[in-house]
């Protein structure tokens, strides 16, 4: 997928666990793992806004576009 997710980078910078982030954002750790590992096909703006609020960052700190082959997606 050409969109890369850098939640793990922000978690490391904030010294926060996946479980703590999930609790503070209000989503399950399993759903956060799907997003964090780049397996999500979509993310709600409300979820993205909550992630940014908790992590003290901008959406561009969590998501970035990578050029590459998108065949089959």
N, C-alpha and C. Protein backbone atom coordinates (compact mmCIF):
# COMPACT_ATOMS: atom_id res chain seq x y z
N UNK A 1 0.84 -1.18 0.00
CA UNK A 1 0.00 0.00 0.00
C UNK A 1 0.89 1.24 0.00
N UNK A 2 0.55 2.24 -0.76
CA UNK A 2 1.41 3.42 -0.86
C UNK A 2 1.35 4.35 0.36
N UNK A 3 0.44 4.10 1.30
CA UNK A 3 0.39 4.90 2.51
C UNK A 3 1.07 4.11 3.63
N UNK A 4 2.12 4.67 4.19
CA UNK A 4 2.84 4.04 5.30
C UNK A 4 2.38 4.67 6.61
N UNK A 5 2.28 3.87 7.64
CA UNK A 5 1.82 4.32 8.96
C UNK A 5 3.01 4.30 9.91
N UNK A 6 3.25 5.44 10.55
CA UNK A 6 4.39 5.58 11.45
C UNK A 6 3.98 5.73 12.92
N UNK A 7 2.91 5.06 13.31
CA UNK A 7 2.47 5.14 14.70
C UNK A 7 3.55 4.62 15.64
N UNK A 8 4.26 3.57 15.23
CA UNK A 8 5.30 3.00 16.09
C UNK A 8 6.41 4.01 16.37
N UNK A 9 6.72 4.87 15.39
CA UNK A 9 7.74 5.91 15.58
C UNK A 9 7.28 6.89 16.66
N UNK A 10 6.02 7.33 16.56
CA UNK A 10 5.50 8.28 17.55
C UNK A 10 5.38 7.63 18.93
N UNK A 11 5.02 6.35 18.97
CA UNK A 11 4.96 5.66 20.26
C UNK A 11 6.34 5.64 20.92
N UNK A 12 7.36 5.37 20.14
CA UNK A 12 8.72 5.34 20.69
C UNK A 12 9.14 6.73 21.17
N UNK A 13 8.82 7.76 20.39
CA UNK A 13 9.17 9.13 20.79
C UNK A 13 8.47 9.54 22.08
N UNK A 14 7.24 9.07 22.25
CA UNK A 14 6.44 9.44 23.44
C UNK A 14 6.62 8.44 24.58
N UNK A 15 7.41 7.38 24.34
CA UNK A 15 7.64 6.34 25.35
C UNK A 15 6.29 5.81 25.87
N UNK A 16 5.44 5.42 24.91
CA UNK A 16 4.09 4.96 25.22
C UNK A 16 3.89 3.58 24.63
N UNK A 17 3.14 2.74 25.31
CA UNK A 17 2.86 1.40 24.81
C UNK A 17 1.62 1.43 23.91
N UNK A 18 1.48 0.37 23.11
CA UNK A 18 0.30 0.23 22.25
C UNK A 18 -0.95 0.16 23.11
N UNK A 19 -0.89 -0.57 24.20
CA UNK A 19 -2.04 -0.70 25.09
C UNK A 19 -2.46 0.63 25.69
N UNK A 20 -1.49 1.42 26.13
CA UNK A 20 -1.80 2.73 26.70
C UNK A 20 -2.42 3.64 25.65
N UNK A 21 -1.85 3.65 24.44
CA UNK A 21 -2.40 4.48 23.38
C UNK A 21 -3.82 4.05 23.04
N UNK A 22 -4.04 2.75 22.92
CA UNK A 22 -5.39 2.25 22.62
C UNK A 22 -6.39 2.70 23.68
N UNK A 23 -6.02 2.57 24.95
CA UNK A 23 -6.90 3.00 26.04
C UNK A 23 -7.21 4.48 25.96
N UNK A 24 -6.19 5.30 25.74
CA UNK A 24 -6.38 6.75 25.72
C UNK A 24 -7.15 7.22 24.50
N UNK A 25 -7.03 6.49 23.38
CA UNK A 25 -7.75 6.86 22.15
C UNK A 25 -9.17 6.31 22.17
N UNK A 26 -9.37 5.17 22.84
CA UNK A 26 -10.68 4.57 22.91
C UNK A 26 -10.94 3.53 21.83
N UNK A 27 -9.88 2.86 21.39
CA UNK A 27 -10.02 1.75 20.44
C UNK A 27 -9.36 0.51 21.04
N UNK A 28 -9.66 -0.63 20.47
CA UNK A 28 -9.08 -1.87 21.00
C UNK A 28 -7.62 -1.97 20.57
N UNK A 29 -6.80 -2.63 21.38
CA UNK A 29 -5.41 -2.85 20.97
C UNK A 29 -5.31 -3.61 19.64
N UNK A 30 -6.25 -4.51 19.39
CA UNK A 30 -6.23 -5.26 18.12
C UNK A 30 -6.45 -4.32 16.94
N UNK A 31 -7.41 -3.41 17.06
CA UNK A 31 -7.66 -2.46 15.97
C UNK A 31 -6.49 -1.50 15.79
N UNK A 32 -5.87 -1.10 16.88
CA UNK A 32 -4.69 -0.24 16.77
C UNK A 32 -3.55 -0.98 16.09
N UNK A 33 -3.40 -2.27 16.39
CA UNK A 33 -2.35 -3.07 15.75
C UNK A 33 -2.57 -3.18 14.25
N UNK A 34 -3.83 -3.34 13.83
CA UNK A 34 -4.15 -3.40 12.40
C UNK A 34 -3.73 -2.10 11.72
N UNK A 35 -4.03 -0.99 12.35
CA UNK A 35 -3.64 0.31 11.80
C UNK A 35 -2.13 0.49 11.82
N UNK A 36 -1.52 0.18 12.95
CA UNK A 36 -0.07 0.35 13.13
C UNK A 36 0.75 -0.47 12.15
N UNK A 37 0.26 -1.67 11.84
CA UNK A 37 0.99 -2.57 10.95
C UNK A 37 0.67 -2.36 9.48
N UNK A 38 -0.12 -1.34 9.17
CA UNK A 38 -0.40 -1.00 7.78
C UNK A 38 -1.40 -1.92 7.10
N UNK A 39 -2.18 -2.66 7.88
CA UNK A 39 -3.16 -3.58 7.29
C UNK A 39 -4.55 -2.96 7.16
N UNK A 40 -4.75 -1.75 7.71
CA UNK A 40 -6.06 -1.09 7.64
C UNK A 40 -6.28 -0.54 6.24
N UNK A 41 -7.51 -0.64 5.78
CA UNK A 41 -7.89 -0.09 4.47
C UNK A 41 -8.44 1.31 4.61
N UNK A 42 -8.80 1.70 5.83
CA UNK A 42 -9.38 3.03 6.07
C UNK A 42 -9.17 3.39 7.54
N UNK A 43 -9.25 4.68 7.81
CA UNK A 43 -9.21 5.16 9.20
C UNK A 43 -10.18 6.33 9.30
N UNK A 44 -10.99 6.33 10.33
CA UNK A 44 -11.94 7.42 10.54
C UNK A 44 -11.16 8.67 10.95
N UNK A 45 -11.65 9.82 10.49
CA UNK A 45 -11.02 11.08 10.88
C UNK A 45 -11.08 11.27 12.39
N UNK A 46 -12.15 10.81 13.02
CA UNK A 46 -12.26 10.93 14.48
C UNK A 46 -11.15 10.14 15.17
N UNK A 47 -10.84 8.95 14.64
CA UNK A 47 -9.76 8.14 15.20
C UNK A 47 -8.42 8.80 14.96
N UNK A 48 -8.21 9.32 13.75
CA UNK A 48 -6.96 10.01 13.44
C UNK A 48 -6.78 11.24 14.33
N UNK A 49 -7.86 11.98 14.52
CA UNK A 49 -7.80 13.17 15.39
C UNK A 49 -7.47 12.78 16.83
N UNK A 50 -8.07 11.70 17.32
CA UNK A 50 -7.80 11.24 18.68
C UNK A 50 -6.35 10.79 18.82
N UNK A 51 -5.82 10.08 17.81
CA UNK A 51 -4.42 9.67 17.83
C UNK A 51 -3.51 10.88 17.91
N UNK A 52 -3.81 11.89 17.08
CA UNK A 52 -2.98 13.11 17.07
C UNK A 52 -3.06 13.85 18.39
N UNK A 53 -4.26 13.90 18.98
CA UNK A 53 -4.41 14.60 20.26
C UNK A 53 -3.60 13.91 21.35
N UNK A 54 -3.73 12.59 21.44
CA UNK A 54 -3.03 11.84 22.49
C UNK A 54 -1.52 11.88 22.28
N UNK A 55 -1.08 11.76 21.03
CA UNK A 55 0.36 11.73 20.75
C UNK A 55 0.97 13.13 20.59
N UNK A 56 0.13 14.15 20.54
CA UNK A 56 0.63 15.52 20.40
C UNK A 56 1.35 15.71 19.07
N UNK A 57 0.69 15.29 17.98
CA UNK A 57 1.34 15.37 16.68
C UNK A 57 0.33 15.75 15.60
N UNK A 58 0.80 15.85 14.37
CA UNK A 58 -0.03 16.15 13.21
C UNK A 58 -0.28 14.85 12.43
N UNK A 59 -1.36 14.80 11.62
CA UNK A 59 -1.62 13.59 10.83
C UNK A 59 -0.42 13.18 9.97
N UNK A 60 0.31 14.15 9.45
CA UNK A 60 1.48 13.85 8.63
C UNK A 60 2.62 13.18 9.40
N UNK A 61 2.58 13.27 10.73
CA UNK A 61 3.56 12.56 11.55
C UNK A 61 3.24 11.07 11.64
N UNK A 62 1.98 10.73 11.37
CA UNK A 62 1.53 9.34 11.48
C UNK A 62 1.39 8.65 10.13
N UNK A 63 1.09 9.41 9.08
CA UNK A 63 0.84 8.85 7.76
C UNK A 63 1.74 9.51 6.73
N UNK A 64 2.27 8.70 5.82
CA UNK A 64 3.06 9.27 4.71
C UNK A 64 2.84 8.43 3.46
N UNK A 65 2.95 9.07 2.34
CA UNK A 65 2.78 8.42 1.05
C UNK A 65 4.12 7.93 0.55
N UNK A 66 4.15 6.69 0.07
CA UNK A 66 5.36 6.10 -0.52
C UNK A 66 5.05 5.70 -1.94
N UNK A 67 5.84 6.17 -2.87
CA UNK A 67 5.65 5.78 -4.26
C UNK A 67 5.99 4.30 -4.40
N UNK A 68 5.28 3.63 -5.26
CA UNK A 68 5.56 2.22 -5.48
C UNK A 68 4.46 1.57 -6.28
N UNK A 69 4.60 0.28 -6.45
CA UNK A 69 3.63 -0.49 -7.23
C UNK A 69 2.37 -0.68 -6.41
N UNK A 70 1.23 -0.27 -6.98
CA UNK A 70 -0.04 -0.44 -6.31
C UNK A 70 -0.92 -1.46 -7.01
N UNK A 71 -0.35 -2.24 -7.92
CA UNK A 71 -1.11 -3.25 -8.66
C UNK A 71 -1.70 -4.27 -7.69
N UNK A 72 -2.94 -4.64 -7.92
CA UNK A 72 -3.58 -5.63 -7.09
C UNK A 72 -4.21 -5.11 -5.83
N UNK A 73 -4.18 -3.81 -5.60
CA UNK A 73 -4.79 -3.26 -4.39
C UNK A 73 -6.05 -2.53 -4.71
